[in-house]
Amino acid sequence: LSCEASGLTFRWYAMGWFRQAPGKEREFVAAISRTGSNTFHA
């Protein structure tokens, strides 16, 4: 999966991925710091 950002200064933003299955609440999948130095996965 790719996520392209526009309208913001991307390097200032930490990013995350979430997912939502039918009938379920949205849940955390993965996150990354703004520099990419740190990541965390469910």
PDB file of all heavy atoms in Angstrom:
ATOM      1  N   LEU A   1       0.835  -1.190   0.000  1.00  0.00           N
ATOM      2  CA  LEU A   1       0.000   0.000   0.000  1.00  0.00           C
ATOM      3  C   LEU A   1       0.874   1.244   0.000  1.00  0.00           C
ATOM      4  O   LEU A   1       1.948   1.265   0.602  1.00  0.00           O
ATOM      5  CB  LEU A   1      -0.912   0.018   1.222  1.00  0.00           C
ATOM      6  CG  LEU A   1      -1.800  -1.192   1.445  1.00  0.00           C
ATOM      7  CD1 LEU A   1      -2.701  -0.953   2.653  1.00  0.00           C
ATOM      8  CD2 LEU A   1      -2.607  -1.527   0.218  1.00  0.00           C
ATOM      9  N   SER A   2       0.396   2.280  -0.674  1.00  0.00           N
ATOM     10  CA  SER A   2       1.066   3.578  -0.683  1.00  0.00           C
ATOM     11  C   SER A   2       0.085   4.642  -0.231  1.00  0.00           C
ATOM     12  O   SER A   2      -1.128   4.515  -0.453  1.00  0.00           O
ATOM     13  CB  SER A   2       1.569   3.920  -2.094  1.00  0.00           C
ATOM     14  OG  SER A   2       2.490   2.973  -2.562  1.00  0.00           O
ATOM     15  N   CYS A   3       0.608   5.678   0.361  1.00  0.00           N
ATOM     16  CA  CYS A   3      -0.207   6.825   0.762  1.00  0.00           C
ATOM     17  C   CYS A   3       0.600   8.079   0.439  1.00  0.00           C
ATOM     18  O   CYS A   3       1.630   8.331   1.063  1.00  0.00           O
ATOM     19  CB  CYS A   3      -0.540   6.761   2.240  1.00  0.00           C
ATOM     20  SG  CYS A   3      -1.324   8.253   2.894  1.00  0.00           S
ATOM     21  N   GLU A   4       0.124   8.823  -0.544  1.00  0.00           N
ATOM     22  CA  GLU A   4       0.815  10.045  -0.951  1.00  0.00           C
ATOM     23  C   GLU A   4       0.128  11.244  -0.328  1.00  0.00           C
ATOM     24  O   GLU A   4      -1.092  11.406  -0.440  1.00  0.00           O
ATOM     25  CB  GLU A   4       0.841  10.182  -2.469  1.00  0.00           C
ATOM     26  CG  GLU A   4       1.635  11.389  -2.940  1.00  0.00           C
ATOM     27  CD  GLU A   4       1.824  11.423  -4.447  1.00  0.00           C
ATOM     28  OE1 GLU A   4       1.284  10.541  -5.139  1.00  0.00           O
ATOM     29  OE2 GLU A   4       2.500  12.361  -4.924  1.00  0.00           O
ATOM     30  N   ALA A   5       0.917  12.081   0.291  1.00  0.00           N
ATOM     31  CA  ALA A   5       0.402  13.258   0.980  1.00  0.00           C
ATOM     32  C   ALA A   5       0.656  14.529   0.174  1.00  0.00           C
ATOM     33  O   ALA A   5       1.690  14.650  -0.503  1.00  0.00           O
ATOM     34  CB  ALA A   5       1.053  13.401   2.349  1.00  0.00           C
ATOM     35  N   SER A   6      -0.273  15.448   0.253  1.00  0.00           N
ATOM     36  CA  SER A   6      -0.104  16.759  -0.362  1.00  0.00           C
ATOM     37  C   SER A   6      -0.755  17.804   0.523  1.00  0.00           C
ATOM     38  O   SER A   6      -1.606  17.480   1.365  1.00  0.00           O
ATOM     39  CB  SER A   6      -0.711  16.794  -1.768  1.00  0.00           C
ATOM     40  OG  SER A   6      -2.089  16.514  -1.724  1.00  0.00           O
ATOM     41  N   GLY A   7      -0.321  19.068   0.362  1.00  0.00           N
ATOM     42  CA  GLY A   7      -0.903  20.146   1.149  1.00  0.00           C
ATOM     43  C   GLY A   7      -0.339  20.271   2.547  1.00  0.00           C
ATOM     44  O   GLY A   7      -0.878  21.031   3.363  1.00  0.00           O
ATOM     45  N   LEU A   8       0.723  19.530   2.835  1.00  0.00           N
ATOM     46  CA  LEU A   8       1.373  19.636   4.136  1.00  0.00           C
ATOM     47  C   LEU A   8       2.877  19.404   3.950  1.00  0.00           C
ATOM     48  O   LEU A   8       3.313  18.911   2.917  1.00  0.00           O
ATOM     49  CB  LEU A   8       0.789  18.624   5.130  1.00  0.00           C
ATOM     50  CG  LEU A   8       0.686  17.137   4.758  1.00  0.00           C
ATOM     51  CD1 LEU A   8       2.031  16.451   4.763  1.00  0.00           C
ATOM     52  CD2 LEU A   8      -0.261  16.430   5.722  1.00  0.00           C
ATOM     53  N   THR A   9       3.651  19.785   4.981  1.00  0.00           N
ATOM     54  CA  THR A   9       5.088  19.552   4.961  1.00  0.00           C
ATOM     55  C   THR A   9       5.323  18.161   5.522  1.00  0.00           C
ATOM     56  O   THR A   9       5.376  17.956   6.736  1.00  0.00           O
ATOM     57  CB  THR A   9       5.826  20.620   5.781  1.00  0.00           C
ATOM     58  OG1 THR A   9       5.474  21.921   5.286  1.00  0.00           O
ATOM     59  CG2 THR A   9       7.332  20.426   5.668  1.00  0.00           C
ATOM     60  N   PHE A  10       5.416  17.206   4.620  1.00  0.00           N
ATOM     61  CA  PHE A  10       5.371  15.789   4.990  1.00  0.00           C
ATOM     62  C   PHE A  10       6.414  15.443   6.041  1.00  0.00           C
ATOM     63  O   PHE A  10       6.122  14.670   6.957  1.00  0.00           O
ATOM     64  CB  PHE A  10       5.568  14.947   3.732  1.00  0.00           C
ATOM     65  CG  PHE A  10       5.389  13.474   3.921  1.00  0.00           C
ATOM     66  CD1 PHE A  10       4.126  12.947   4.186  1.00  0.00           C
ATOM     67  CD2 PHE A  10       6.467  12.604   3.823  1.00  0.00           C
ATOM     68  CE1 PHE A  10       3.944  11.583   4.345  1.00  0.00           C
ATOM     69  CE2 PHE A  10       6.290  11.241   3.985  1.00  0.00           C
ATOM     70  CZ  PHE A  10       5.028  10.734   4.245  1.00  0.00           C
ATOM     71  N   ARG A  11       7.589  15.969   5.981  1.00  0.00           N
ATOM     72  CA  ARG A  11       8.657  15.576   6.912  1.00  0.00           C
ATOM     73  C   ARG A  11       8.364  16.005   8.347  1.00  0.00           C
ATOM     74  O   ARG A  11       9.060  15.585   9.270  1.00  0.00           O
ATOM     75  CB  ARG A  11      10.000  16.141   6.457  1.00  0.00           C
ATOM     76  CG  ARG A  11      10.098  17.656   6.525  1.00  0.00           C
ATOM     77  CD  ARG A  11      11.454  18.142   6.030  1.00  0.00           C
ATOM     78  NE  ARG A  11      11.621  19.585   6.173  1.00  0.00           N
ATOM     79  CZ  ARG A  11      11.150  20.471   5.312  1.00  0.00           C
ATOM     80  NH1 ARG A  11      10.500  20.076   4.241  1.00  0.00           N
ATOM     81  NH2 ARG A  11      11.353  21.769   5.520  1.00  0.00           N
ATOM     82  N   TRP A  12       7.357  16.840   8.551  1.00  0.00           N
ATOM     83  CA  TRP A  12       6.978  17.268   9.892  1.00  0.00           C
ATOM     84  C   TRP A  12       5.936  16.349  10.522  1.00  0.00           C
ATOM     85  O   TRP A  12       5.533  16.581  11.658  1.00  0.00           O
ATOM     86  CB  TRP A  12       6.423  18.693   9.868  1.00  0.00           C
ATOM     87  CG  TRP A  12       7.438  19.742   9.581  1.00  0.00           C
ATOM     88  CD1 TRP A  12       8.793  19.605   9.520  1.00  0.00           C
ATOM     89  CD2 TRP A  12       7.173  21.119   9.309  1.00  0.00           C
ATOM     90  NE1 TRP A  12       9.386  20.801   9.221  1.00  0.00           N
ATOM     91  CE2 TRP A  12       8.430  21.755   9.097  1.00  0.00           C
ATOM     92  CE3 TRP A  12       6.014  21.888   9.247  1.00  0.00           C
ATOM     93  CZ2 TRP A  12       8.535  23.100   8.796  1.00  0.00           C
ATOM     94  CZ3 TRP A  12       6.125  23.233   8.963  1.00  0.00           C
ATOM     95  CH2 TRP A  12       7.372  23.826   8.738  1.00  0.00           C
ATOM     96  N   TYR A  13       5.502  15.357   9.815  1.00  0.00           N
ATOM     97  CA  TYR A  13       4.383  14.530  10.254  1.00  0.00           C
ATOM     98  C   TYR A  13       4.801  13.093  10.492  1.00  0.00           C
ATOM     99  O   TYR A  13       5.405  12.453   9.621  1.00  0.00           O
ATOM    100  CB  TYR A  13       3.254  14.545   9.224  1.00  0.00           C
ATOM    101  CG  TYR A  13       2.466  15.835   9.224  1.00  0.00           C
ATOM    102  CD1 TYR A  13       2.983  16.972   8.625  1.00  0.00           C
ATOM    103  CD2 TYR A  13       1.226  15.912   9.846  1.00  0.00           C
ATOM    104  CE1 TYR A  13       2.272  18.163   8.643  1.00  0.00           C
ATOM    105  CE2 TYR A  13       0.501  17.092   9.865  1.00  0.00           C
ATOM    106  CZ  TYR A  13       1.034  18.216   9.263  1.00  0.00           C
ATOM    107  OH  TYR A  13       0.326  19.384   9.290  1.00  0.00           O
ATOM    108  N   ALA A  14       4.452  12.578  11.670  1.00  0.00           N
ATOM    109  CA  ALA A  14       4.482  11.143  11.882  1.00  0.00           C
ATOM    110  C   ALA A  14       3.293  10.547  11.136  1.00  0.00           C
ATOM    111  O   ALA A  14       2.257  11.204  10.967  1.00  0.00           O
ATOM    112  CB  ALA A  14       4.388  10.829  13.373  1.00  0.00           C
ATOM    113  N   MET A  15       3.435   9.304  10.697  1.00  0.00           N
ATOM    114  CA  MET A  15       2.394   8.677   9.888  1.00  0.00           C
ATOM    115  C   MET A  15       1.972   7.342  10.488  1.00  0.00           C
ATOM    116  O   MET A  15       2.743   6.694  11.215  1.00  0.00           O
ATOM    117  CB  MET A  15       2.896   8.441   8.465  1.00  0.00           C
ATOM    118  CG  MET A  15       3.322   9.693   7.729  1.00  0.00           C
ATOM    119  SD  MET A  15       1.967  10.851   7.449  1.00  0.00           S
ATOM    120  CE  MET A  15       0.948   9.906   6.301  1.00  0.00           C
ATOM    121  N   GLY A  16       0.750   6.951  10.171  1.00  0.00           N
ATOM    122  CA  GLY A  16       0.260   5.667  10.659  1.00  0.00           C
ATOM    123  C   GLY A  16      -0.663   5.009   9.662  1.00  0.00           C
ATOM    124  O   GLY A  16      -1.191   5.663   8.752  1.00  0.00           O
ATOM    125  N   TRP A  17      -0.826   3.707   9.828  1.00  0.00           N
ATOM    126  CA  TRP A  17      -1.803   2.921   9.075  1.00  0.00           C
ATOM    127  C   TRP A  17      -2.771   2.302  10.068  1.00  0.00           C
ATOM    128  O   TRP A  17      -2.355   1.760  11.098  1.00  0.00           O
ATOM    129  CB  TRP A  17      -1.129   1.821   8.262  1.00  0.00           C
ATOM    130  CG  TRP A  17      -0.402   2.275   7.041  1.00  0.00           C
ATOM    131  CD1 TRP A  17       0.938   2.510   6.921  1.00  0.00           C
ATOM    132  CD2 TRP A  17      -0.965   2.533   5.745  1.00  0.00           C
ATOM    133  NE1 TRP A  17       1.236   2.906   5.638  1.00  0.00           N
ATOM    134  CE2 TRP A  17       0.089   2.934   4.900  1.00  0.00           C
ATOM    135  CE3 TRP A  17      -2.261   2.466   5.223  1.00  0.00           C
ATOM    136  CZ2 TRP A  17      -0.117   3.254   3.561  1.00  0.00           C
ATOM    137  CZ3 TRP A  17      -2.462   2.789   3.896  1.00  0.00           C
ATOM    138  CH2 TRP A  17      -1.398   3.179   3.071  1.00  0.00           C
ATOM    139  N   PHE A  18      -4.036   2.362   9.719  1.00  0.00           N
ATOM    140  CA  PHE A  18      -5.110   1.742  10.483  1.00  0.00           C
ATOM    141  C   PHE A  18      -5.958   0.918   9.521  1.00  0.00           C
ATOM    142  O   PHE A  18      -5.870   1.091   8.305  1.00  0.00           O
ATOM    143  CB  PHE A  18      -5.985   2.805  11.154  1.00  0.00           C
ATOM    144  CG  PHE A  18      -5.299   3.565  12.245  1.00  0.00           C
ATOM    145  CD1 PHE A  18      -4.373   4.551  11.944  1.00  0.00           C
ATOM    146  CD2 PHE A  18      -5.565   3.297  13.583  1.00  0.00           C
ATOM    147  CE1 PHE A  18      -3.717   5.256  12.947  1.00  0.00           C
ATOM    148  CE2 PHE A  18      -4.930   4.002  14.596  1.00  0.00           C
ATOM    149  CZ  PHE A  18      -3.998   4.982  14.271  1.00  0.00           C
ATOM    150  N   ARG A  19      -6.787   0.037  10.067  1.00  0.00           N
ATOM    151  CA  ARG A  19      -7.683  -0.732   9.204  1.00  0.00           C
ATOM    152  C   ARG A  19      -9.019  -0.947   9.905  1.00  0.00           C
ATOM    153  O   ARG A  19      -9.106  -0.916  11.142  1.00  0.00           O
ATOM    154  CB  ARG A  19      -7.062  -2.074   8.833  1.00  0.00           C
ATOM    155  CG  ARG A  19      -6.887  -3.044   9.989  1.00  0.00           C
ATOM    156  CD  ARG A  19      -6.134  -4.291   9.518  1.00  0.00           C
ATOM    157  NE  ARG A  19      -5.971  -5.263  10.588  1.00  0.00           N
ATOM    158  CZ  ARG A  19      -5.254  -6.379  10.478  1.00  0.00           C
ATOM    159  NH1 ARG A  19      -4.626  -6.667   9.333  1.00  0.00           N
ATOM    160  NH2 ARG A  19      -5.153  -7.218  11.499  1.00  0.00           N
ATOM    161  N   GLN A  20     -10.034  -1.163   9.085  1.00  0.00           N
ATOM    162  CA  GLN A  20     -11.369  -1.408   9.615  1.00  0.00           C
ATOM    163  C   GLN A  20     -12.040  -2.499   8.798  1.00  0.00           C
ATOM    164  O   GLN A  20     -12.273  -2.334   7.596  1.00  0.00           O
ATOM    165  CB  GLN A  20     -12.219  -0.141   9.604  1.00  0.00           C
ATOM    166  CG  GLN A  20     -13.559  -0.305  10.291  1.00  0.00           C
ATOM    167  CD  GLN A  20     -14.268   1.013  10.516  1.00  0.00           C
ATOM    168  OE1 GLN A  20     -13.979   2.008   9.841  1.00  0.00           O
ATOM    169  NE2 GLN A  20     -15.171   1.046  11.470  1.00  0.00           N
ATOM    170  N   ALA A  21     -12.338  -3.592   9.464  1.00  0.00           N
ATOM    171  CA  ALA A  21     -13.058  -4.697   8.837  1.00  0.00           C
ATOM    172  C   ALA A  21     -14.557  -4.477   9.008  1.00  0.00           C
ATOM    173  O   ALA A  21     -14.984  -3.773   9.937  1.00  0.00           O
ATOM    174  CB  ALA A  21     -12.634  -6.014   9.474  1.00  0.00           C
ATOM    175  N   PRO A  22     -15.369  -5.080   8.141  1.00  0.00           N
ATOM    176  CA  PRO A  22     -16.826  -4.899   8.248  1.00  0.00           C
ATOM    177  C   PRO A  22     -17.336  -5.300   9.628  1.00  0.00           C
ATOM    178  O   PRO A  22     -16.979  -6.362  10.145  1.00  0.00           O
ATOM    179  CB  PRO A  22     -17.363  -5.843   7.166  1.00  0.00           C
ATOM    180  CG  PRO A  22     -16.261  -5.946   6.180  1.00  0.00           C
ATOM    181  CD  PRO A  22     -14.993  -5.883   6.978  1.00  0.00           C
ATOM    182  N   GLY A  23     -18.122  -4.421  10.224  1.00  0.00           N
ATOM    183  CA  GLY A  23     -18.719  -4.721  11.521  1.00  0.00           C
ATOM    184  C   GLY A  23     -17.781  -4.577  12.700  1.00  0.00           C
ATOM    185  O   GLY A  23     -18.157  -4.897  13.837  1.00  0.00           O
ATOM    186  N   LYS A  24     -16.570  -4.093  12.448  1.00  0.00           N
ATOM    187  CA  LYS A  24     -15.592  -3.948  13.535  1.00  0.00           C
ATOM    188  C   LYS A  24     -15.124  -2.509  13.632  1.00  0.00           C
ATOM    189  O   LYS A  24     -15.271  -1.722  12.698  1.00  0.00           O
ATOM    190  CB  LYS A  24     -14.395  -4.867  13.297  1.00  0.00           C
ATOM    191  CG  LYS A  24     -14.726  -6.343  13.353  1.00  0.00           C
ATOM    192  CD  LYS A  24     -13.468  -7.193  13.315  1.00  0.00           C
ATOM    193  CE  LYS A  24     -13.778  -8.666  13.453  1.00  0.00           C
ATOM    194  NZ  LYS A  24     -12.561  -9.501  13.457  1.00  0.00           N
ATOM    195  N   GLU A  25     -14.530  -2.180  14.761  1.00  0.00           N
ATOM    196  CA  GLU A  25     -13.966  -0.850  14.945  1.00  0.00           C
ATOM    197  C   GLU A  25     -12.632  -0.740  14.201  1.00  0.00           C
ATOM    198  O   GLU A  25     -11.948  -1.742  13.966  1.00  0.00           O
ATOM    199  CB  GLU A  25     -13.762  -0.571  16.431  1.00  0.00           C
ATOM    200  CG  GLU A  25     -15.053  -0.467  17.208  1.00  0.00           C
ATOM    201  CD  GLU A  25     -14.832  -0.031  18.647  1.00  0.00           C
ATOM    202  OE1 GLU A  25     -13.666   0.023  19.076  1.00  0.00           O
ATOM    203  OE2 GLU A  25     -15.821   0.253  19.336  1.00  0.00           O
ATOM    204  N   ARG A  26     -12.290   0.487  13.892  1.00  0.00           N
ATOM    205  CA  ARG A  26     -11.006   0.709  13.243  1.00  0.00           C
ATOM    206  C   ARG A  26      -9.886   0.401  14.241  1.00  0.00           C
ATOM    207  O   ARG A  26      -9.988   0.754  15.419  1.00  0.00           O
ATOM    208  CB  ARG A  26     -10.917   2.149  12.739  1.00  0.00           C
ATOM    209  CG  ARG A  26      -9.735   2.412  11.832  1.00  0.00           C
ATOM    210  CD  ARG A  26      -9.979   3.553  10.870  1.00  0.00           C
ATOM    211  NE  ARG A  26     -10.364   4.793  11.511  1.00  0.00           N
ATOM    212  CZ  ARG A  26     -10.689   5.893  10.828  1.00  0.00           C
ATOM    213  NH1 ARG A  26     -10.678   5.881   9.508  1.00  0.00           N
ATOM    214  NH2 ARG A  26     -11.026   6.982  11.478  1.00  0.00           N
ATOM    215  N   GLU A  27      -8.824  -0.241  13.751  1.00  0.00           N
ATOM    216  CA  GLU A  27      -7.738  -0.634  14.633  1.00  0.00           C
ATOM    217  C   GLU A  27      -6.393  -0.192  14.073  1.00  0.00           C
ATOM    218  O   GLU A  27      -6.204  -0.071  12.856  1.00  0.00           O
ATOM    219  CB  GLU A  27      -7.728  -2.150  14.853  1.00  0.00           C
ATOM    220  CG  GLU A  27      -7.437  -2.972  13.613  1.00  0.00           C
ATOM    221  CD  GLU A  27      -7.303  -4.457  13.910  1.00  0.00           C
ATOM    222  OE1 GLU A  27      -7.449  -4.889  15.062  1.00  0.00           O
ATOM    223  OE2 GLU A  27      -7.033  -5.216  12.950  1.00  0.00           O
ATOM    224  N   PHE A  28      -5.455   0.003  14.981  1.00  0.00           N
ATOM    225  CA  PHE A  28      -4.100   0.400  14.632  1.00  0.00           C
ATOM    226  C   PHE A  28      -3.372  -0.763  13.961  1.00  0.00           C
ATOM    227  O   PHE A  28      -3.500  -1.918  14.367  1.00  0.00           O
ATOM    228  CB  PHE A  28      -3.366   0.824  15.900  1.00  0.00           C
ATOM    229  CG  PHE A  28      -1.888   0.985  15.721  1.00  0.00           C
ATOM    230  CD1 PHE A  28      -1.369   2.110  15.123  1.00  0.00           C
ATOM    231  CD2 PHE A  28      -1.019  -0.005  16.142  1.00  0.00           C
ATOM    232  CE1 PHE A  28      -0.001   2.255  14.943  1.00  0.00           C
ATOM    233  CE2 PHE A  28       0.344   0.118  15.979  1.00  0.00           C
ATOM    234  CZ  PHE A  28       0.857   1.254  15.380  1.00  0.00           C
ATOM    235  N   VAL A  29      -2.566  -0.412  12.938  1.00  0.00           N
ATOM    236  CA  VAL A  29      -1.762  -1.423  12.245  1.00  0.00           C
ATOM    237  C   VAL A  29      -0.268  -1.137  12.423  1.00  0.00           C
ATOM    238  O   VAL A  29       0.482  -2.004  12.856  1.00  0.00           O
ATOM    239  CB  VAL A  29      -2.105  -1.468  10.746  1.00  0.00           C
ATOM    240  CG1 VAL A  29      -1.179  -2.441  10.016  1.00  0.00           C
ATOM    241  CG2 VAL A  29      -3.560  -1.865  10.539  1.00  0.00           C
ATOM    242  N   ALA A  30       0.157   0.080  12.071  1.00  0.00           N
ATOM    243  CA  ALA A  30       1.591   0.397  12.118  1.00  0.00           C
ATOM    244  C   ALA A  30       1.776   1.904  12.147  1.00  0.00           C
ATOM    245  O   ALA A  30       0.908   2.643  11.692  1.00  0.00           O
ATOM    246  CB  ALA A  30       2.320  -0.204  10.922  1.00  0.00           C
ATOM    247  N   ALA A  31       2.914   2.337  12.690  1.00  0.00           N
ATOM    248  CA  ALA A  31       3.219   3.762  12.771  1.00  0.00           C
ATOM    249  C   ALA A  31       4.702   3.982  12.533  1.00  0.00           C
ATOM    250  O   ALA A  31       5.525   3.095  12.782  1.00  0.00           O
ATOM    251  CB  ALA A  31       2.810   4.321  14.127  1.00  0.00           C
ATOM    252  N   ILE A  32       5.018   5.195  12.069  1.00  0.00           N
ATOM    253  CA  ILE A  32       6.418   5.548  11.785  1.00  0.00           C
ATOM    254  C   ILE A  32       6.642   7.001  12.175  1.00  0.00           C
ATOM    255  O   ILE A  32       5.763   7.853  11.990  1.00  0.00           O
ATOM    256  CB  ILE A  32       6.739   5.288  10.297  1.00  0.00           C
ATOM    257  CG1 ILE A  32       8.227   5.444  10.007  1.00  0.00           C
ATOM    258  CG2 ILE A  32       5.895   6.184   9.377  1.00  0.00           C
ATOM    259  CD1 ILE A  32       8.637   4.860   8.644  1.00  0.00           C
ATOM    260  N   SER A  33       7.816   7.269  12.734  1.00  0.00           N
ATOM    261  CA  SER A  33       8.157   8.632  13.113  1.00  0.00           C
ATOM    262  C   SER A  33       8.396   9.487  11.874  1.00  0.00           C
ATOM    263  O   SER A  33       8.559   8.961  10.765  1.00  0.00           O
ATOM    264  CB  SER A  33       9.394   8.626  13.999  1.00  0.00           C
ATOM    265  OG  SER A  33      10.508   8.081  13.296  1.00  0.00           O
ATOM    266  N   ARG A  34       8.469  10.774  12.061  1.00  0.00           N
ATOM    267  CA  ARG A  34       8.549  11.664  10.897  1.00  0.00           C
ATOM    268  C   ARG A  34       9.861  11.505  10.130  1.00  0.00           C
ATOM    269  O   ARG A  34       9.904  11.758   8.935  1.00  0.00           O
ATOM    270  CB  ARG A  34       8.326  13.117  11.318  1.00  0.00           C
ATOM    271  CG  ARG A  34       9.397  13.728  12.200  1.00  0.00           C
ATOM    272  CD  ARG A  34       9.037  15.158  12.515  1.00  0.00           C
ATOM    273  NE  ARG A  34      10.089  15.855  13.223  1.00  0.00           N
ATOM    274  CZ  ARG A  34      11.072  16.515  12.634  1.00  0.00           C
ATOM    275  NH1 ARG A  34      11.146  16.568  11.317  1.00  0.00           N
ATOM    276  NH2 ARG A  34      11.987  17.129  13.348  1.00  0.00           N
ATOM    277  N   THR A  35      10.896  11.087  10.818  1.00  0.00           N
ATOM    278  CA  THR A  35      12.171  10.868  10.130  1.00  0.00           C
ATOM    279  C   THR A  35      12.306   9.442   9.612  1.00  0.00           C
ATOM    280  O   THR A  35      13.239   9.142   8.859  1.00  0.00           O
ATOM    281  CB  THR A  35      13.346  11.154  11.069  1.00  0.00           C
ATOM    282  OG1 THR A  35      13.295  10.227  12.153  1.00  0.00           O
ATOM    283  CG2 THR A  35      13.293  12.577  11.602  1.00  0.00           C
ATOM    284  N   GLY A  36      11.423   8.567  10.050  1.00  0.00           N
ATOM    285  CA  GLY A  36      11.533   7.163   9.679  1.00  0.00           C
ATOM    286  C   GLY A  36      12.444   6.362  10.584  1.00  0.00           C
ATOM    287  O   GLY A  36      12.629   5.165  10.373  1.00  0.00           O
ATOM    288  N   SER A  37      12.984   7.005  11.619  1.00  0.00           N
ATOM    289  CA  SER A  37      13.948   6.317  12.481  1.00  0.00           C
ATOM    290  C   SER A  37      13.293   5.299  13.406  1.00  0.00           C
ATOM    291  O   SER A  37      13.937   4.344  13.837  1.00  0.00           O
ATOM    292  CB  SER A  37      14.714   7.337  13.324  1.00  0.00           C
ATOM    293  OG  SER A  37      13.814   8.105  14.112  1.00  0.00           O
ATOM    294  N   ASN A  38      12.026   5.515  13.724  1.00  0.00           N
ATOM    295  CA  ASN A  38      11.315   4.605  14.633  1.00  0.00           C
ATOM    296  C   ASN A  38      10.034   4.107  13.988  1.00  0.00           C
ATOM    297  O   ASN A  38       9.296   4.887  13.359  1.00  0.00           O
ATOM    298  CB  ASN A  38      10.977   5.318  15.939  1.00  0.00           C
ATOM    299  CG  ASN A  38      12.214   5.609  16.767  1.00  0.00           C
ATOM    300  OD1 ASN A  38      13.155   4.824  16.787  1.00  0.00           O
ATOM    301  ND2 ASN A  38      12.213   6.738  17.430  1.00  0.00           N
ATOM    302  N   THR A  39       9.771   2.826  14.167  1.00  0.00           N
ATOM    303  CA  THR A  39       8.529   2.233  13.689  1.00  0.00           C
ATOM    304  C   THR A  39       7.943   1.347  14.772  1.00  0.00           C
ATOM    305  O   THR A  39       8.644   0.901  15.692  1.00  0.00           O
ATOM    306  CB  THR A  39       8.739   1.390  12.414  1.00  0.00           C
ATOM    307  OG1 THR A  39       9.614   0.294  12.714  1.00  0.00           O
ATOM    308  CG2 THR A  39       9.321   2.210  11.288  1.00  0.00           C
ATOM    309  N   PHE A  40       6.640   1.086  14.643  1.00  0.00           N
ATOM    310  CA  PHE A  40       5.949   0.207  15.593  1.00  0.00           C
ATOM    311  C   PHE A  40       4.828  -0.483  14.848  1.00  0.00           C
ATOM    312  O   PHE A  40       4.113   0.147  14.061  1.00  0.00           O
ATOM    313  CB  PHE A  40       5.400   1.016  16.770  1.00  0.00           C
ATOM    314  CG  PHE A  40       4.776   0.175  17.832  1.00  0.00           C
ATOM    315  CD1 PHE A  40       5.567  -0.508  18.740  1.00  0.00           C
ATOM    316  CD2 PHE A  40       3.392   0.048  17.923  1.00  0.00           C
ATOM    317  CE1 PHE A  40       4.998  -1.301  19.725  1.00  0.00           C
ATOM    318  CE2 PHE A  40       2.813  -0.741  18.900  1.00  0.00           C
ATOM    319  CZ  PHE A  40       3.620  -1.419  19.809  1.00  0.00           C
ATOM    320  N   HIS A  41       4.696  -1.792  15.093  1.00  0.00           N
ATOM    321  CA  HIS A  41       3.667  -2.580  14.417  1.00  0.00           C
ATOM    322  C   HIS A  41       2.797  -3.282  15.440  1.00  0.00           C
ATOM    323  O   HIS A  41       3.288  -3.751  16.477  1.00  0.00           O
ATOM    324  CB  HIS A  41       4.314  -3.606  13.492  1.00  0.00           C
ATOM    325  CG  HIS A  41       5.144  -3.002  12.401  1.00  0.00           C
ATOM    326  ND1 HIS A  41       6.418  -2.530  12.622  1.00  0.00           N
ATOM    327  CD2 HIS A  41       4.870  -2.779  11.088  1.00  0.00           C
ATOM    328  CE1 HIS A  41       6.897  -2.041  11.490  1.00  0.00           C
ATOM    329  NE2 HIS A  41       5.972  -2.176  10.543  1.00  0.00           N
ATOM    330  N   ALA A  42       1.515  -3.394  15.152  1.00  0.00           N
ATOM    331  CA  ALA A  42       0.610  -4.148  16.004  1.00  0.00           C
ATOM    332  C   ALA A  42       1.040  -5.603  16.048  1.00  0.00           C
ATOM    333  O   ALA A  42       1.605  -6.131  15.076  1.00  0.00           O
ATOM    334  CB  ALA A  42      -0.816  -4.029  15.478  1.00  0.00           C
TER     335      ALA A  42
END
